[in-house]
Amino acid sequence: MLLVKLGGSVLTDKGRLRSPRRTAIRRLARELAAARAPLLVVHGAGSYGHILARKHRLNEGGATRAKRGAAARVQADVKALDGLVVDALIAAGLAAVPIPPSAVLSLDDGRVSSIDLTPFLEFSSMSFTPVTFGDVVRDLRRGFSICSGDLLMLELARAFRPERALFVADVDGLFTADPKTHKSARLLEAVKPSDLPQVKFRAASRTDVTGSIEGKVRRMFEIADHVDECWIVNGNVKNRVRDALRGRHVVGTRVSRGP
């Protein structure tokens, strides 16, 4: 079993509302199919979720009519992006089935309160490829909140104990600083918690409602406890995802909880 998170920055232009990168989606679908192994797929919301969620502060919940309308709009939008991903996976030869988090998961002040893994377990047992995504979900305290793809990765890693977890990003891995703004940034080929002091993390982006890069990396350390290998690789480089899923050596960052 392989667990894959397709980042929203790879699937969409995160600066433009509802702007899919269709060519990238189709290529990545073919690379996932080429792994020829059972898959669980999670994807981010990108510009289908973060822009409106940030504008209306949906991660904080709320009971106003405007917030409910915005939450409904974001739910519809992320399902539309999921439809593009699922269609591409089916075209690539995978029997992909969508499993919306809002139907199987509830939060309590941002933490998982309950999750029904039955659809993932049963579809996987029949050789389907479950596909889930960052979504607006019920929250016992806030009314509703945002469930990130990273949180879903952790829950699925705990349940399935996959051989490999792969985070597909728009950079080669974790660097000592943001490589998009610091030319001297150095790629870390392996990272563990004790390495974090050498990393100059940037703040969460203007549109991202699922936390900072440092928070995402710390979540990856939790996930690494439940998998044989955990990697960050660049989804914008052709065949890198395919090769990483096949266990080949690729440019990227291996994430571990070890000393």
C-alpha atoms as a PDB file:
ATOM      1  CA  MET A   1       0.000   0.000   0.000  1.00  0.00           C
ATOM      2  CA  LEU A   2       1.251   3.465  -0.978  1.00  0.00           C
ATOM      3  CA  LEU A   3      -0.130   6.710   0.443  1.00  0.00           C
ATOM      4  CA  VAL A   4       0.152   9.868  -1.676  1.00  0.00           C
ATOM      5  CA  LYS A   5      -0.660  13.514  -0.961  1.00  0.00           C
ATOM      6  CA  LEU A   6      -0.899  15.676  -4.083  1.00  0.00           C
ATOM      7  CA  GLY A   7      -0.295  19.239  -2.958  1.00  0.00           C
ATOM      8  CA  GLY A   8      -2.726  21.948  -3.988  1.00  0.00           C
ATOM      9  CA  SER A   9       0.152  24.053  -5.314  1.00  0.00           C
ATOM     10  CA  VAL A  10       0.917  21.331  -7.870  1.00  0.00           C
ATOM     11  CA  LEU A  11      -2.690  20.766  -8.937  1.00  0.00           C
ATOM     12  CA  THR A  12      -3.728  24.443  -9.108  1.00  0.00           C
ATOM     13  CA  ASP A  13      -2.461  27.979  -9.387  1.00  0.00           C
ATOM     14  CA  LYS A  14      -2.941  28.887  -5.716  1.00  0.00           C
ATOM     15  CA  GLY A  15      -3.020  32.599  -6.494  1.00  0.00           C
ATOM     16  CA  ARG A  16      -6.056  32.450  -8.819  1.00  0.00           C
ATOM     17  CA  LEU A  17      -9.464  31.273  -7.687  1.00  0.00           C
ATOM     18  CA  ARG A  18     -10.522  27.873  -9.075  1.00  0.00           C
ATOM     19  CA  SER A  19      -7.602  27.585 -11.501  1.00  0.00           C
ATOM     20  CA  PRO A  20      -6.652  23.942 -12.160  1.00  0.00           C
ATOM     21  CA  ARG A  21      -3.385  22.903 -13.750  1.00  0.00           C
ATOM     22  CA  ARG A  22      -5.037  20.338 -15.987  1.00  0.00           C
ATOM     23  CA  THR A  23      -1.897  19.161 -17.751  1.00  0.00           C
ATOM     24  CA  ALA A  24      -0.171  18.526 -14.415  1.00  0.00           C
ATOM     25  CA  ILE A  25      -3.228  16.700 -13.058  1.00  0.00           C
ATOM     26  CA  ARG A  26      -3.316  14.352 -16.055  1.00  0.00           C
ATOM     27  CA  ARG A  27       0.444  13.712 -15.939  1.00  0.00           C
ATOM     28  CA  LEU A  28       0.443  12.986 -12.207  1.00  0.00           C
ATOM     29  CA  ALA A  29      -2.505  10.624 -12.644  1.00  0.00           C
ATOM     30  CA  ARG A  30      -0.494   8.661 -15.208  1.00  0.00           C
ATOM     31  CA  GLU A  31       2.504   8.557 -12.853  1.00  0.00           C
ATOM     32  CA  LEU A  32       0.363   7.237 -10.005  1.00  0.00           C
ATOM     33  CA  ALA A  33      -1.092   4.571 -12.280  1.00  0.00           C
ATOM     34  CA  ALA A  34       2.426   3.593 -13.374  1.00  0.00           C
ATOM     35  CA  ALA A  35       3.305   2.686  -9.771  1.00  0.00           C
ATOM     36  CA  ARG A  36       1.276  -0.516 -10.271  1.00  0.00           C
ATOM     37  CA  ALA A  37       0.547  -0.807  -6.537  1.00  0.00           C
ATOM     38  CA  PRO A  38      -2.482  -0.302  -4.285  1.00  0.00           C
ATOM     39  CA  LEU A  39      -2.884   3.416  -3.602  1.00  0.00           C
ATOM     40  CA  LEU A  40      -4.606   5.770  -1.222  1.00  0.00           C
ATOM     41  CA  VAL A  41      -4.711   9.292  -2.662  1.00  0.00           C
ATOM     42  CA  VAL A  42      -5.180  12.553  -0.758  1.00  0.00           C
ATOM     43  CA  HIS A  43      -5.048  15.952  -2.424  1.00  0.00           C
ATOM     44  CA  GLY A  44      -5.003  19.532  -1.293  1.00  0.00           C
ATOM     45  CA  ALA A  45      -7.643  22.123  -2.106  1.00  0.00           C
ATOM     46  CA  GLY A  46      -5.317  24.690  -3.681  1.00  0.00           C
ATOM     47  CA  SER A  47      -7.129  27.671  -5.172  1.00  0.00           C
ATOM     48  CA  TYR A  48     -10.433  25.774  -4.966  1.00  0.00           C
ATOM     49  CA  GLY A  49     -10.413  26.035  -1.191  1.00  0.00           C
ATOM     50  CA  HIS A  50      -7.803  28.234   0.429  1.00  0.00           C
ATOM     51  CA  ILE A  51      -8.675  31.598  -1.111  1.00  0.00           C
ATOM     52  CA  LEU A  52     -12.314  31.702  -0.020  1.00  0.00           C
ATOM     53  CA  ALA A  53     -11.617  29.828   3.228  1.00  0.00           C
ATOM     54  CA  ARG A  54      -9.030  32.429   4.175  1.00  0.00           C
ATOM     55  CA  LYS A  55     -11.241  35.359   3.140  1.00  0.00           C
ATOM     56  CA  HIS A  56     -14.135  34.129   5.296  1.00  0.00           C
ATOM     57  CA  ARG A  57     -11.948  32.632   8.080  1.00  0.00           C
ATOM     58  CA  LEU A  58     -13.706  29.311   7.759  1.00  0.00           C
ATOM     59  CA  ASN A  59     -11.132  27.519   9.913  1.00  0.00           C
ATOM     60  CA  GLU A  60     -12.621  29.455  12.852  1.00  0.00           C
ATOM     61  CA  GLY A  61     -16.148  28.207  12.179  1.00  0.00           C
ATOM     62  CA  GLY A  62     -19.076  30.511  12.854  1.00  0.00           C
ATOM     63  CA  ALA A  63     -22.841  30.696  12.706  1.00  0.00           C
ATOM     64  CA  THR A  64     -23.534  33.605  10.355  1.00  0.00           C
ATOM     65  CA  ARG A  65     -25.418  33.222   7.118  1.00  0.00           C
ATOM     66  CA  ALA A  66     -22.437  34.592   5.170  1.00  0.00           C
ATOM     67  CA  LYS A  67     -20.091  32.000   6.675  1.00  0.00           C
ATOM     68  CA  ARG A  68     -22.488  29.154   5.996  1.00  0.00           C
ATOM     69  CA  GLY A  69     -22.783  30.277   2.400  1.00  0.00           C
ATOM     70  CA  ALA A  70     -19.002  30.497   2.048  1.00  0.00           C
ATOM     71  CA  ALA A  71     -18.554  27.059   3.624  1.00  0.00           C
ATOM     72  CA  ALA A  72     -21.055  25.569   1.191  1.00  0.00           C
ATOM     73  CA  ARG A  73     -19.310  27.266  -1.744  1.00  0.00           C
ATOM     74  CA  VAL A  74     -15.914  25.886  -0.672  1.00  0.00           C
ATOM     75  CA  GLN A  75     -17.355  22.392  -0.207  1.00  0.00           C
ATOM     76  CA  ALA A  76     -18.757  22.514  -3.730  1.00  0.00           C
ATOM     77  CA  ASP A  77     -15.495  23.873  -5.130  1.00  0.00           C
ATOM     78  CA  VAL A  78     -13.219  21.247  -3.562  1.00  0.00           C
ATOM     79  CA  LYS A  79     -15.547  18.525  -4.814  1.00  0.00           C
ATOM     80  CA  ALA A  80     -15.177  20.023  -8.306  1.00  0.00           C
ATOM     81  CA  LEU A  81     -11.379  19.804  -8.049  1.00  0.00           C
ATOM     82  CA  ASP A  82     -11.688  16.276  -6.723  1.00  0.00           C
ATOM     83  CA  GLY A  83     -13.790  15.442  -9.776  1.00  0.00           C
ATOM     84  CA  LEU A  84     -10.939  16.559 -12.036  1.00  0.00           C
ATOM     85  CA  VAL A  85      -8.451  14.420 -10.101  1.00  0.00           C
ATOM     86  CA  VAL A  86     -10.727  11.358 -10.042  1.00  0.00           C
ATOM     87  CA  ASP A  87     -11.511  11.683 -13.771  1.00  0.00           C
ATOM     88  CA  ALA A  88      -7.799  11.877 -14.575  1.00  0.00           C
ATOM     89  CA  LEU A  89      -7.034   8.806 -12.456  1.00  0.00           C
ATOM     90  CA  ILE A  90      -9.821   6.832 -14.150  1.00  0.00           C
ATOM     91  CA  ALA A  91      -8.519   7.882 -17.576  1.00  0.00           C
ATOM     92  CA  ALA A  92      -5.065   6.662 -16.498  1.00  0.00           C
ATOM     93  CA  GLY A  93      -6.478   3.231 -15.694  1.00  0.00           C
ATOM     94  CA  LEU A  94      -7.180   3.396 -11.949  1.00  0.00           C
ATOM     95  CA  ALA A  95     -10.610   2.600 -10.490  1.00  0.00           C
ATOM     96  CA  ALA A  96     -10.662   5.809  -8.455  1.00  0.00           C
ATOM     97  CA  VAL A  97     -13.557   6.548  -6.085  1.00  0.00           C
ATOM     98  CA  PRO A  98     -14.075   9.852  -4.221  1.00  0.00           C
ATOM     99  CA  ILE A  99     -14.584   9.806  -0.438  1.00  0.00           C
ATOM    100  CA  PRO A 100     -15.466  13.309   0.833  1.00  0.00           C
ATOM    101  CA  PRO A 101     -14.153  13.945   4.366  1.00  0.00           C
ATOM    102  CA  SER A 102     -17.352  15.816   5.232  1.00  0.00           C
ATOM    103  CA  ALA A 103     -19.226  12.506   4.964  1.00  0.00           C
ATOM    104  CA  VAL A 104     -16.923  10.416   7.173  1.00  0.00           C
ATOM    105  CA  LEU A 105     -15.141  12.722   9.615  1.00  0.00           C
ATOM    106  CA  SER A 106     -15.920  15.224  12.380  1.00  0.00           C
ATOM    107  CA  LEU A 107     -13.596  17.516  14.283  1.00  0.00           C
ATOM    108  CA  ASP A 108     -13.657  18.898  17.812  1.00  0.00           C
ATOM    109  CA  ASP A 109     -11.945  22.294  17.958  1.00  0.00           C
ATOM    110  CA  GLY A 110      -9.804  21.334  14.968  1.00  0.00           C
ATOM    111  CA  ARG A 111      -8.876  17.849  16.223  1.00  0.00           C
ATOM    112  CA  VAL A 112     -10.350  14.608  14.935  1.00  0.00           C
ATOM    113  CA  SER A 113     -13.419  13.649  16.982  1.00  0.00           C
ATOM    114  CA  SER A 114     -14.593  10.709  14.864  1.00  0.00           C
ATOM    115  CA  ILE A 115     -13.754   9.134  11.538  1.00  0.00           C
ATOM    116  CA  ASP A 116     -15.385   6.248   9.692  1.00  0.00           C
ATOM    117  CA  LEU A 117     -12.660   4.437   7.770  1.00  0.00           C
ATOM    118  CA  THR A 118     -15.043   1.773   6.437  1.00  0.00           C
ATOM    119  CA  PRO A 119     -15.276   3.227   2.892  1.00  0.00           C
ATOM    120  CA  PHE A 120     -11.475   3.362   2.603  1.00  0.00           C
ATOM    121  CA  LEU A 121     -11.062  -0.185   3.916  1.00  0.00           C
ATOM    122  CA  GLU A 122     -13.811  -1.741   1.817  1.00  0.00           C
ATOM    123  CA  PHE A 123     -13.018   0.015  -1.456  1.00  0.00           C
ATOM    124  CA  SER A 124      -9.308  -0.769  -1.019  1.00  0.00           C
ATOM    125  CA  SER A 125     -10.100  -4.418  -0.369  1.00  0.00           C
ATOM    126  CA  MET A 126     -11.857  -4.511  -3.765  1.00  0.00           C
ATOM    127  CA  SER A 127      -8.830  -2.949  -5.549  1.00  0.00           C
ATOM    128  CA  PHE A 128     -10.406   0.475  -5.953  1.00  0.00           C
ATOM    129  CA  THR A 129      -8.311   3.610  -5.350  1.00  0.00           C
ATOM    130  CA  PRO A 130      -9.900   5.806  -2.653  1.00  0.00           C
ATOM    131  CA  VAL A 131      -9.414   9.535  -3.222  1.00  0.00           C
ATOM    132  CA  THR A 132     -10.020  12.111  -0.494  1.00  0.00           C
ATOM    133  CA  PHE A 133      -9.137  15.769  -0.031  1.00  0.00           C
ATOM    134  CA  GLY A 134      -8.990  18.854   2.175  1.00  0.00           C
ATOM    135  CA  ASP A 135     -12.550  19.882   2.979  1.00  0.00           C
ATOM    136  CA  VAL A 136     -14.950  21.838   5.182  1.00  0.00           C
ATOM    137  CA  VAL A 137     -16.251  19.423   7.841  1.00  0.00           C
ATOM    138  CA  ARG A 138     -18.404  19.451  10.959  1.00  0.00           C
ATOM    139  CA  ASP A 139     -16.736  20.641  14.162  1.00  0.00           C
ATOM    140  CA  LEU A 140     -18.388  20.010  17.523  1.00  0.00           C
ATOM    141  CA  ARG A 141     -17.223  23.317  19.012  1.00  0.00           C
ATOM    142  CA  ARG A 142     -16.877  25.600  16.009  1.00  0.00           C
ATOM    143  CA  GLY A 143     -19.864  24.348  14.020  1.00  0.00           C
ATOM    144  CA  PHE A 144     -17.623  23.632  11.068  1.00  0.00           C
ATOM    145  CA  SER A 145     -13.915  23.864  10.344  1.00  0.00           C
ATOM    146  CA  ILE A 146     -11.228  22.909   7.833  1.00  0.00           C
ATOM    147  CA  CYS A 147      -9.886  19.369   7.667  1.00  0.00           C
ATOM    148  CA  SER A 148      -6.521  19.516   5.923  1.00  0.00           C
ATOM    149  CA  GLY A 149      -5.116  16.910   3.602  1.00  0.00           C
ATOM    150  CA  ASP A 150      -2.196  16.498   6.008  1.00  0.00           C
ATOM    151  CA  LEU A 151      -4.542  15.512   8.826  1.00  0.00           C
ATOM    152  CA  LEU A 152      -6.173  12.969   6.530  1.00  0.00           C
ATOM    153  CA  MET A 153      -2.723  11.614   5.675  1.00  0.00           C
ATOM    154  CA  LEU A 154      -2.070  11.000   9.376  1.00  0.00           C
ATOM    155  CA  GLU A 155      -5.376   9.203   9.928  1.00  0.00           C
ATOM    156  CA  LEU A 156      -4.859   6.998   6.877  1.00  0.00           C
ATOM    157  CA  ALA A 157      -1.245   6.261   7.803  1.00  0.00           C
ATOM    158  CA  ARG A 158      -2.349   5.117  11.259  1.00  0.00           C
ATOM    159  CA  ALA A 159      -5.055   2.892   9.808  1.00  0.00           C
ATOM    160  CA  PHE A 160      -3.227   1.330   6.860  1.00  0.00           C
ATOM    161  CA  ARG A 161       0.475   1.400   7.868  1.00  0.00           C
ATOM    162  CA  PRO A 162       1.551   1.900   4.223  1.00  0.00           C
ATOM    163  CA  GLU A 163       4.930   0.962   2.874  1.00  0.00           C
ATOM    164  CA  ARG A 164       5.583   4.508   1.672  1.00  0.00           C
ATOM    165  CA  ALA A 165       3.999   7.944   2.173  1.00  0.00           C
ATOM    166  CA  LEU A 166       4.729  10.541  -0.467  1.00  0.00           C
ATOM    167  CA  PHE A 167       4.110  14.284  -0.212  1.00  0.00           C
ATOM    168  CA  VAL A 168       4.060  15.822  -3.685  1.00  0.00           C
ATOM    169  CA  ALA A 169       5.092  19.488  -3.530  1.00  0.00           C
ATOM    170  CA  ASP A 170       6.113  22.244  -5.947  1.00  0.00           C
ATOM    171  CA  VAL A 171       9.744  22.188  -4.740  1.00  0.00           C
ATOM    172  CA  ASP A 172      12.362  19.427  -4.512  1.00  0.00           C
ATOM    173  CA  GLY A 173      11.865  18.846  -0.781  1.00  0.00           C
ATOM    174  CA  LEU A 174      12.591  20.615   2.496  1.00  0.00           C
ATOM    175  CA  PHE A 175      15.255  23.301   2.279  1.00  0.00           C
ATOM    176  CA  THR A 176      17.144  25.264   4.922  1.00  0.00           C
ATOM    177  CA  ALA A 177      15.099  28.283   3.746  1.00  0.00           C
ATOM    178  CA  ASP A 178      12.436  28.996   1.140  1.00  0.00           C
ATOM    179  CA  PRO A 179      14.211  28.159  -2.163  1.00  0.00           C
ATOM    180  CA  LYS A 180      11.866  30.499  -4.028  1.00  0.00           C
ATOM    181  CA  THR A 181      13.238  33.530  -2.172  1.00  0.00           C
ATOM    182  CA  HIS A 182      16.652  32.406  -0.886  1.00  0.00           C
ATOM    183  CA  LYS A 183      19.136  31.367  -3.581  1.00  0.00           C
ATOM    184  CA  SER A 184      21.517  30.011  -0.940  1.00  0.00           C
ATOM    185  CA  ALA A 185      18.900  27.608   0.474  1.00  0.00           C
ATOM    186  CA  ARG A 186      20.196  24.044   0.700  1.00  0.00           C
ATOM    187  CA  LEU A 187      18.111  20.920   0.127  1.00  0.00           C
ATOM    188  CA  LEU A 188      17.986  18.566   3.106  1.00  0.00           C
ATOM    189  CA  GLU A 189      18.142  15.011   1.771  1.00  0.00           C
ATOM    190  CA  ALA A 190      16.919  13.689   5.135  1.00  0.00           C
ATOM    191  CA  VAL A 191      15.266  15.459   8.045  1.00  0.00           C
ATOM    192  CA  LYS A 192      14.304  14.542  11.607  1.00  0.00           C
ATOM    193  CA  PRO A 193      12.996  16.704  14.465  1.00  0.00           C
ATOM    194  CA  SER A 194      16.472  17.605  15.724  1.00  0.00           C
ATOM    195  CA  ASP A 195      17.276  19.121  12.302  1.00  0.00           C
ATOM    196  CA  LEU A 196      14.529  21.755  12.441  1.00  0.00           C
ATOM    197  CA  PRO A 197      16.591  24.462  14.195  1.00  0.00           C
ATOM    198  CA  GLN A 198      18.706  24.772  11.033  1.00  0.00           C
ATOM    199  CA  VAL A 199      15.616  25.500   8.901  1.00  0.00           C
ATOM    200  CA  LYS A 200      14.437  29.077   8.414  1.00  0.00           C
ATOM    201  CA  PHE A 201      10.712  28.551   7.959  1.00  0.00           C
ATOM    202  CA  ARG A 202       8.558  31.170   6.290  1.00  0.00           C
ATOM    203  CA  ALA A 203       5.186  32.124   7.713  1.00  0.00           C
ATOM    204  CA  ALA A 204       2.000  30.585   6.363  1.00  0.00           C
ATOM    205  CA  SER A 205       1.109  32.032   2.973  1.00  0.00           C
ATOM    206  CA  ARG A 206      -1.546  34.714   2.585  1.00  0.00           C
ATOM    207  CA  THR A 207      -4.114  32.191   1.371  1.00  0.00           C
ATOM    208  CA  ASP A 208      -3.182  28.990   3.232  1.00  0.00           C
ATOM    209  CA  VAL A 209      -5.628  28.160   6.049  1.00  0.00           C
ATOM    210  CA  THR A 210      -4.029  24.844   7.019  1.00  0.00           C
ATOM    211  CA  GLY A 211      -0.971  26.208   8.803  1.00  0.00           C
ATOM    212  CA  SER A 212       2.684  27.012   8.331  1.00  0.00           C
ATOM    213  CA  ILE A 213       5.297  24.916   6.548  1.00  0.00           C
ATOM    214  CA  GLU A 214       6.833  24.100   9.934  1.00  0.00           C
ATOM    215  CA  GLY A 215       3.470  22.779  11.135  1.00  0.00           C
ATOM    216  CA  LYS A 216       3.135  20.640   8.018  1.00  0.00           C
ATOM    217  CA  VAL A 217       6.630  19.175   8.530  1.00  0.00           C
ATOM    218  CA  ARG A 218       5.854  18.379  12.154  1.00  0.00           C
ATOM    219  CA  ARG A 219       2.736  16.555  10.963  1.00  0.00           C
ATOM    220  CA  MET A 220       4.971  14.583   8.583  1.00  0.00           C
ATOM    221  CA  PHE A 221       7.069  13.464  11.555  1.00  0.00           C
ATOM    222  CA  GLU A 222       3.903  12.011  13.105  1.00  0.00           C
ATOM    223  CA  ILE A 223       3.083  10.244   9.843  1.00  0.00           C
ATOM    224  CA  ALA A 224       6.623   8.855   9.593  1.00  0.00           C
ATOM    225  CA  ASP A 225       5.906   6.865  12.771  1.00  0.00           C
ATOM    226  CA  HIS A 226       3.348   4.772  10.879  1.00  0.00           C
ATOM    227  CA  VAL A 227       5.068   4.118   7.527  1.00  0.00           C
ATOM    228  CA  ASP A 228       8.245   2.444   6.348  1.00  0.00           C
ATOM    229  CA  GLU A 229       9.332   5.540   4.403  1.00  0.00           C
ATOM    230  CA  CYS A 230       8.079   9.118   4.171  1.00  0.00           C
ATOM    231  CA  TRP A 231       9.255  11.459   1.402  1.00  0.00           C
ATOM    232  CA  ILE A 232       8.745  14.966   0.018  1.00  0.00           C
ATOM    233  CA  VAL A 233       9.286  15.191  -3.752  1.00  0.00           C
ATOM    234  CA  ASN A 234       8.701  17.683  -6.543  1.00  0.00           C
ATOM    235  CA  GLY A 235       5.556  16.959  -8.540  1.00  0.00           C
ATOM    236  CA  ASN A 236       6.518  19.469 -11.218  1.00  0.00           C
ATOM    237  CA  VAL A 237       9.404  17.257 -12.397  1.00  0.00           C
ATOM    238  CA  LYS A 238       8.241  14.640 -14.880  1.00  0.00           C
ATOM    239  CA  ASN A 239       8.310  11.032 -13.584  1.00  0.00           C
ATOM    240  CA  ARG A 240       9.705  11.936 -10.173  1.00  0.00           C
ATOM    241  CA  VAL A 241       6.500  10.856  -8.456  1.00  0.00           C
ATOM    242  CA  ARG A 242       6.416   7.645 -10.486  1.00  0.00           C
ATOM    243  CA  ASP A 243      10.010   6.797  -9.618  1.00  0.00           C
ATOM    244  CA  ALA A 244       9.571   7.636  -5.929  1.00  0.00           C
ATOM    245  CA  LEU A 245       6.507   5.404  -5.709  1.00  0.00           C
ATOM    246  CA  ARG A 246       8.483   2.586  -7.292  1.00  0.00           C
ATOM    247  CA  GLY A 247      11.164   2.967  -4.608  1.00  0.00           C
ATOM    248  CA  ARG A 248      13.845   4.356  -6.891  1.00  0.00           C
ATOM    249  CA  HIS A 249      16.346   6.921  -5.651  1.00  0.00           C
ATOM    250  CA  VAL A 250      15.121  10.420  -6.500  1.00  0.00           C
ATOM    251  CA  VAL A 251      15.882  13.987  -5.512  1.00  0.00           C
ATOM    252  CA  GLY A 252      13.807  14.750  -2.441  1.00  0.00           C
ATOM    253  CA  THR A 253      13.738  14.779   1.342  1.00  0.00           C
ATOM    254  CA  ARG A 254      13.249  11.680   3.485  1.00  0.00           C
ATOM    255  CA  VAL A 255      11.333  12.467   6.680  1.00  0.00           C
ATOM    256  CA  SER A 256      11.836  10.354   9.802  1.00  0.00           C
ATOM    257  CA  ARG A 257      11.129  10.485  13.531  1.00  0.00           C
ATOM    258  CA  GLY A 258      14.388   8.746  14.408  1.00  0.00           C
ATOM    259  CA  PRO A 259      17.308  10.251  16.353  1.00  0.00           C
END
